[in-house]
Amino acid sequence: MTESRPPTYLEKLRVVRSFLQHQLGQVEAWIADEERKAAERQRGEQTRPPAPDWLLELGLNRDAPPNMVHEGHCHMAAKRSRGISRTDALRWLAEGVPACTHCRPDSELGFLDG
């Protein structure tokens, strides 16, 4: 039978160094991953199209007429809204689609009823 001896202090330190090198590699990979994600977020923010100036709130189904015209920043605009041009906003108001009572796009557009 072979007698085993306990590891020396130097051998223990080498094992610890190996473990720490492995851990350092993991941390560096995590840092690289977070830097990649941050760069992607920044690219996404830079390439995001500008918010529309005017929104048309659509009806509940595709055959329903539009419900309301909003300014682009209006917090009352429903998720089923889409961006429209100033000309389209004026046209929809002229066709009788009501203006939002919170953001008042008709006032901003200079649209006078009737």
N, C-alpha and C. Protein backbone atom coordinates (compact mmCIF):
# COMPACT_ATOMS: atom_id res chain seq x y z
N MET A 1 0.82 -1.17 0.00
CA MET A 1 0.00 0.00 0.00
C MET A 1 0.88 1.25 0.00
N THR A 2 0.49 2.20 -0.81
CA THR A 2 1.26 3.43 -0.89
C THR A 2 0.73 4.41 0.14
N GLU A 3 1.66 5.01 0.77
CA GLU A 3 1.28 6.00 1.77
C GLU A 3 1.14 7.35 1.08
N SER A 4 0.01 8.00 1.26
CA SER A 4 -0.17 9.31 0.62
C SER A 4 0.23 10.39 1.62
N ARG A 5 0.83 11.38 1.10
CA ARG A 5 1.25 12.47 1.96
C ARG A 5 0.30 13.66 1.74
N PRO A 6 0.12 14.48 2.70
CA PRO A 6 -0.73 15.66 2.52
C PRO A 6 -0.06 16.62 1.54
N PRO A 7 -0.86 17.40 0.78
CA PRO A 7 -0.28 18.34 -0.18
C PRO A 7 0.51 19.42 0.57
N THR A 8 1.55 19.86 -0.09
CA THR A 8 2.36 20.91 0.51
C THR A 8 1.64 22.25 0.35
N TYR A 9 2.12 23.22 1.09
CA TYR A 9 1.54 24.57 1.01
C TYR A 9 1.67 25.12 -0.40
N LEU A 10 2.78 24.89 -1.05
CA LEU A 10 2.99 25.35 -2.42
C LEU A 10 1.99 24.71 -3.38
N GLU A 11 1.72 23.42 -3.23
CA GLU A 11 0.73 22.73 -4.08
C GLU A 11 -0.67 23.30 -3.85
N LYS A 12 -0.98 23.60 -2.61
CA LYS A 12 -2.29 24.19 -2.30
C LYS A 12 -2.42 25.57 -2.96
N LEU A 13 -1.35 26.35 -2.89
CA LEU A 13 -1.39 27.67 -3.52
C LEU A 13 -1.57 27.58 -5.02
N ARG A 14 -0.94 26.60 -5.65
CA ARG A 14 -1.10 26.41 -7.10
C ARG A 14 -2.53 26.03 -7.46
N VAL A 15 -3.16 25.21 -6.63
CA VAL A 15 -4.55 24.85 -6.85
C VAL A 15 -5.44 26.09 -6.73
N VAL A 16 -5.18 26.90 -5.71
CA VAL A 16 -5.96 28.12 -5.52
C VAL A 16 -5.76 29.06 -6.72
N ARG A 17 -4.50 29.19 -7.19
CA ARG A 17 -4.22 30.04 -8.35
C ARG A 17 -4.99 29.55 -9.57
N SER A 18 -4.99 28.26 -9.80
CA SER A 18 -5.72 27.69 -10.94
C SER A 18 -7.21 28.00 -10.84
N PHE A 19 -7.76 27.84 -9.65
CA PHE A 19 -9.18 28.13 -9.44
C PHE A 19 -9.46 29.61 -9.69
N LEU A 20 -8.62 30.49 -9.17
CA LEU A 20 -8.82 31.93 -9.35
C LEU A 20 -8.66 32.35 -10.80
N GLN A 21 -7.76 31.72 -11.54
CA GLN A 21 -7.62 32.02 -12.97
C GLN A 21 -8.90 31.64 -13.70
N HIS A 22 -9.48 30.51 -13.33
CA HIS A 22 -10.74 30.09 -13.94
C HIS A 22 -11.84 31.10 -13.60
N GLN A 23 -11.91 31.51 -12.35
CA GLN A 23 -12.92 32.49 -11.94
C GLN A 23 -12.72 33.82 -12.66
N LEU A 24 -11.47 34.27 -12.81
CA LEU A 24 -11.17 35.50 -13.50
C LEU A 24 -11.63 35.41 -14.96
N GLY A 25 -11.42 34.26 -15.58
CA GLY A 25 -11.89 34.07 -16.95
C GLY A 25 -13.40 34.21 -17.05
N GLN A 26 -14.12 33.67 -16.06
CA GLN A 26 -15.58 33.80 -16.05
C GLN A 26 -16.00 35.26 -15.89
N VAL A 27 -15.36 35.96 -14.96
CA VAL A 27 -15.69 37.37 -14.73
C VAL A 27 -15.40 38.20 -15.97
N GLU A 28 -14.29 37.94 -16.64
CA GLU A 28 -13.97 38.67 -17.87
C GLU A 28 -14.99 38.38 -18.96
N ALA A 29 -15.48 37.17 -19.04
CA ALA A 29 -16.52 36.83 -20.01
C ALA A 29 -17.81 37.56 -19.68
N TRP A 30 -18.15 37.65 -18.40
CA TRP A 30 -19.36 38.37 -17.99
C TRP A 30 -19.24 39.86 -18.32
N ILE A 31 -18.06 40.42 -18.07
CA ILE A 31 -17.83 41.84 -18.38
C ILE A 31 -17.96 42.07 -19.89
N ALA A 32 -17.37 41.21 -20.68
CA ALA A 32 -17.46 41.34 -22.15
C ALA A 32 -18.92 41.25 -22.60
N ASP A 33 -19.69 40.35 -21.99
CA ASP A 33 -21.10 40.19 -22.34
C ASP A 33 -21.88 41.46 -22.00
N GLU A 34 -21.63 42.03 -20.81
CA GLU A 34 -22.33 43.25 -20.42
C GLU A 34 -21.93 44.43 -21.30
N GLU A 35 -20.66 44.50 -21.70
CA GLU A 35 -20.21 45.57 -22.59
C GLU A 35 -20.88 45.43 -23.96
N ARG A 36 -21.04 44.19 -24.43
CA ARG A 36 -21.71 43.96 -25.71
C ARG A 36 -23.18 44.39 -25.62
N LYS A 37 -23.83 44.03 -24.51
CA LYS A 37 -25.23 44.42 -24.33
C LYS A 37 -25.39 45.94 -24.28
N ALA A 38 -24.48 46.61 -23.58
CA ALA A 38 -24.54 48.08 -23.48
C ALA A 38 -24.35 48.70 -24.86
N ALA A 39 -23.42 48.17 -25.64
CA ALA A 39 -23.20 48.69 -27.00
C ALA A 39 -24.43 48.47 -27.86
N GLU A 40 -25.08 47.32 -27.73
CA GLU A 40 -26.31 47.05 -28.49
C GLU A 40 -27.41 48.01 -28.09
N ARG A 41 -27.56 48.27 -26.78
CA ARG A 41 -28.58 49.21 -26.32
C ARG A 41 -28.31 50.60 -26.89
N GLN A 42 -27.06 51.03 -26.85
CA GLN A 42 -26.71 52.34 -27.37
C GLN A 42 -26.97 52.43 -28.87
N ARG A 43 -26.61 51.39 -29.62
CA ARG A 43 -26.88 51.37 -31.06
C ARG A 43 -28.39 51.44 -31.31
N GLY A 44 -29.16 50.70 -30.50
CA GLY A 44 -30.61 50.72 -30.66
C GLY A 44 -31.20 52.10 -30.41
N GLU A 45 -30.68 52.78 -29.38
CA GLU A 45 -31.18 54.12 -29.08
C GLU A 45 -30.82 55.11 -30.18
N GLN A 46 -29.62 54.95 -30.75
CA GLN A 46 -29.19 55.86 -31.80
C GLN A 46 -29.94 55.63 -33.11
N THR A 47 -30.34 54.40 -33.39
CA THR A 47 -31.01 54.11 -34.65
C THR A 47 -32.54 54.11 -34.53
N ARG A 48 -33.05 54.33 -33.32
CA ARG A 48 -34.51 54.35 -33.13
C ARG A 48 -35.09 55.52 -33.90
N PRO A 49 -36.15 55.28 -34.66
CA PRO A 49 -36.76 56.40 -35.39
C PRO A 49 -37.37 57.40 -34.40
N PRO A 50 -37.46 58.65 -34.79
CA PRO A 50 -38.04 59.65 -33.88
C PRO A 50 -39.52 59.36 -33.64
N ALA A 51 -39.99 59.78 -32.48
CA ALA A 51 -41.40 59.59 -32.16
C ALA A 51 -42.24 60.43 -33.11
N PRO A 52 -43.41 59.95 -33.51
CA PRO A 52 -44.24 60.73 -34.43
C PRO A 52 -44.81 61.96 -33.73
N ASP A 53 -45.06 63.00 -34.51
CA ASP A 53 -45.65 64.21 -33.95
C ASP A 53 -47.15 64.06 -33.72
N TRP A 54 -47.77 63.18 -34.50
CA TRP A 54 -49.22 63.00 -34.41
C TRP A 54 -49.55 61.52 -34.44
N LEU A 55 -50.60 61.14 -33.73
CA LEU A 55 -51.03 59.74 -33.67
C LEU A 55 -52.49 59.63 -34.05
N LEU A 56 -52.82 58.55 -34.72
CA LEU A 56 -54.20 58.23 -35.03
C LEU A 56 -54.54 56.97 -34.25
N GLU A 57 -55.48 57.09 -33.33
CA GLU A 57 -55.92 55.94 -32.54
C GLU A 57 -56.93 55.16 -33.35
N LEU A 58 -56.61 53.91 -33.62
CA LEU A 58 -57.45 53.08 -34.47
C LEU A 58 -58.58 52.44 -33.66
N GLY A 59 -59.62 51.99 -34.37
CA GLY A 59 -60.74 51.33 -33.73
C GLY A 59 -60.37 49.95 -33.22
N LEU A 60 -61.32 49.28 -32.59
CA LEU A 60 -61.06 47.97 -31.98
C LEU A 60 -60.87 46.86 -33.00
N ASN A 61 -61.41 47.02 -34.20
CA ASN A 61 -61.16 46.03 -35.25
C ASN A 61 -60.77 46.77 -36.52
N ARG A 62 -60.30 46.05 -37.49
CA ARG A 62 -59.75 46.74 -38.67
C ARG A 62 -60.82 47.43 -39.51
N ASP A 63 -62.08 47.10 -39.34
CA ASP A 63 -63.15 47.75 -40.12
C ASP A 63 -63.72 48.97 -39.41
N ALA A 64 -63.38 49.15 -38.14
CA ALA A 64 -63.91 50.28 -37.37
C ALA A 64 -63.17 51.56 -37.76
N PRO A 65 -63.88 52.67 -37.76
CA PRO A 65 -63.20 53.94 -38.08
C PRO A 65 -62.25 54.34 -36.95
N PRO A 66 -61.33 55.24 -37.23
CA PRO A 66 -60.42 55.70 -36.16
C PRO A 66 -61.20 56.36 -35.03
N ASN A 67 -60.64 56.26 -33.82
CA ASN A 67 -61.33 56.80 -32.64
C ASN A 67 -60.96 58.24 -32.34
N MET A 68 -59.65 58.58 -32.50
CA MET A 68 -59.21 59.88 -32.02
C MET A 68 -57.85 60.24 -32.63
N VAL A 69 -57.61 61.55 -32.71
CA VAL A 69 -56.31 62.08 -33.13
C VAL A 69 -55.61 62.60 -31.87
N HIS A 70 -54.32 62.25 -31.71
CA HIS A 70 -53.53 62.66 -30.55
C HIS A 70 -52.25 63.33 -31.00
N GLU A 71 -51.64 64.12 -30.09
CA GLU A 71 -50.25 64.55 -30.29
C GLU A 71 -49.37 63.35 -30.01
N GLY A 72 -48.19 63.33 -30.56
CA GLY A 72 -47.30 62.17 -30.46
C GLY A 72 -46.91 61.79 -29.04
N HIS A 73 -46.91 62.72 -28.13
CA HIS A 73 -46.49 62.46 -26.75
C HIS A 73 -47.65 62.16 -25.80
N CYS A 74 -48.87 62.13 -26.30
CA CYS A 74 -50.05 62.00 -25.44
C CYS A 74 -50.06 60.68 -24.67
N HIS A 75 -50.26 60.78 -23.38
CA HIS A 75 -50.30 59.58 -22.54
C HIS A 75 -51.64 58.85 -22.65
N MET A 76 -52.62 59.46 -23.26
CA MET A 76 -53.93 58.83 -23.40
C MET A 76 -54.07 58.01 -24.68
N ALA A 77 -53.09 58.08 -25.55
CA ALA A 77 -53.15 57.34 -26.82
C ALA A 77 -53.09 55.84 -26.53
N ALA A 78 -53.96 55.10 -27.15
CA ALA A 78 -54.01 53.64 -26.95
C ALA A 78 -52.86 52.97 -27.68
N LYS A 79 -52.61 51.71 -27.33
CA LYS A 79 -51.56 50.94 -28.00
C LYS A 79 -51.86 50.72 -29.47
N ARG A 80 -53.09 50.80 -29.82
CA ARG A 80 -53.46 50.58 -31.22
C ARG A 80 -53.44 51.89 -32.01
N SER A 81 -52.47 52.74 -31.71
CA SER A 81 -52.28 54.00 -32.42
C SER A 81 -51.11 53.87 -33.38
N ARG A 82 -51.15 54.68 -34.42
CA ARG A 82 -50.02 54.69 -35.36
C ARG A 82 -49.68 56.14 -35.68
N GLY A 83 -48.42 56.37 -36.00
CA GLY A 83 -47.96 57.70 -36.33
C GLY A 83 -48.51 58.17 -37.67
N ILE A 84 -48.85 59.45 -37.73
CA ILE A 84 -49.36 60.04 -38.97
C ILE A 84 -48.69 61.40 -39.16
N SER A 85 -48.77 61.92 -40.38
CA SER A 85 -48.19 63.22 -40.70
C SER A 85 -49.14 64.33 -40.26
N ARG A 86 -48.65 65.56 -40.28
CA ARG A 86 -49.47 66.72 -39.94
C ARG A 86 -50.65 66.83 -40.91
N THR A 87 -50.38 66.61 -42.18
CA THR A 87 -51.44 66.68 -43.20
C THR A 87 -52.52 65.65 -42.93
N ASP A 88 -52.11 64.43 -42.60
CA ASP A 88 -53.09 63.38 -42.29
C ASP A 88 -53.88 63.71 -41.03
N ALA A 89 -53.21 64.28 -40.02
CA ALA A 89 -53.91 64.65 -38.79
C ALA A 89 -54.99 65.68 -39.10
N LEU A 90 -54.65 66.68 -39.89
CA LEU A 90 -55.65 67.69 -40.27
C LEU A 90 -56.79 67.08 -41.07
N ARG A 91 -56.44 66.15 -41.97
CA ARG A 91 -57.48 65.51 -42.79
C ARG A 91 -58.44 64.70 -41.92
N TRP A 92 -57.89 63.92 -40.97
CA TRP A 92 -58.76 63.12 -40.11
C TRP A 92 -59.64 64.01 -39.23
N LEU A 93 -59.09 65.11 -38.74
CA LEU A 93 -59.92 66.03 -37.95
C LEU A 93 -61.03 66.63 -38.82
N ALA A 94 -60.69 66.98 -40.06
CA ALA A 94 -61.69 67.54 -40.97
C ALA A 94 -62.77 66.52 -41.32
N GLU A 95 -62.39 65.24 -41.32
CA GLU A 95 -63.37 64.19 -41.63
C GLU A 95 -64.21 63.81 -40.41
N GLY A 96 -64.00 64.47 -39.29
CA GLY A 96 -64.85 64.26 -38.13
C GLY A 96 -64.30 63.36 -37.04
N VAL A 97 -63.06 62.90 -37.17
CA VAL A 97 -62.46 62.11 -36.09
C VAL A 97 -62.16 63.08 -34.96
N PRO A 98 -62.64 62.79 -33.75
CA PRO A 98 -62.46 63.75 -32.66
C PRO A 98 -61.00 63.90 -32.23
N ALA A 99 -60.69 65.08 -31.73
CA ALA A 99 -59.36 65.35 -31.17
C ALA A 99 -59.37 64.94 -29.71
N CYS A 100 -58.24 64.46 -29.24
CA CYS A 100 -58.10 64.08 -27.83
C CYS A 100 -58.33 65.31 -26.96
N THR A 101 -59.08 65.15 -25.89
CA THR A 101 -59.37 66.28 -25.00
C THR A 101 -58.23 66.53 -24.01
N HIS A 102 -57.26 65.63 -23.96
CA HIS A 102 -56.13 65.81 -23.05
C HIS A 102 -54.99 66.58 -23.71
N CYS A 103 -54.61 66.17 -24.91
CA CYS A 103 -53.45 66.80 -25.57
C CYS A 103 -53.86 67.89 -26.55
N ARG A 104 -55.11 67.95 -26.94
CA ARG A 104 -55.67 68.97 -27.82
C ARG A 104 -54.86 69.18 -29.10
N PRO A 105 -54.76 68.15 -29.97
CA PRO A 105 -54.00 68.32 -31.21
C PRO A 105 -54.65 69.32 -32.15
N ASP A 106 -55.95 69.51 -32.05
CA ASP A 106 -56.63 70.48 -32.91
C ASP A 106 -56.11 71.89 -32.65
N SER A 107 -55.87 72.22 -31.39
CA SER A 107 -55.34 73.54 -31.06
C SER A 107 -53.91 73.68 -31.57
N GLU A 108 -53.11 72.65 -31.37
CA GLU A 108 -51.72 72.67 -31.82
C GLU A 108 -51.63 72.78 -33.34
N LEU A 109 -52.57 72.15 -34.03
CA LEU A 109 -52.58 72.17 -35.49
C LEU A 109 -53.23 73.42 -36.05
N GLY A 110 -53.89 74.19 -35.20
CA GLY A 110 -54.61 75.38 -35.67
C GLY A 110 -55.89 75.02 -36.39
N PHE A 111 -56.46 73.87 -36.05
CA PHE A 111 -57.68 73.41 -36.71
C PHE A 111 -58.87 74.01 -36.00
N LEU A 112 -59.69 74.75 -36.77
CA LEU A 112 -60.90 75.35 -36.21
C LEU A 112 -62.10 74.57 -36.72
N ASP A 113 -62.94 74.13 -35.81
CA ASP A 113 -64.13 73.36 -36.17
C ASP A 113 -65.07 74.20 -37.01
N GLY A 114 -65.57 73.59 -38.10
CA GLY A 114 -66.60 74.18 -38.91
C GLY A 114 -66.17 75.43 -39.55
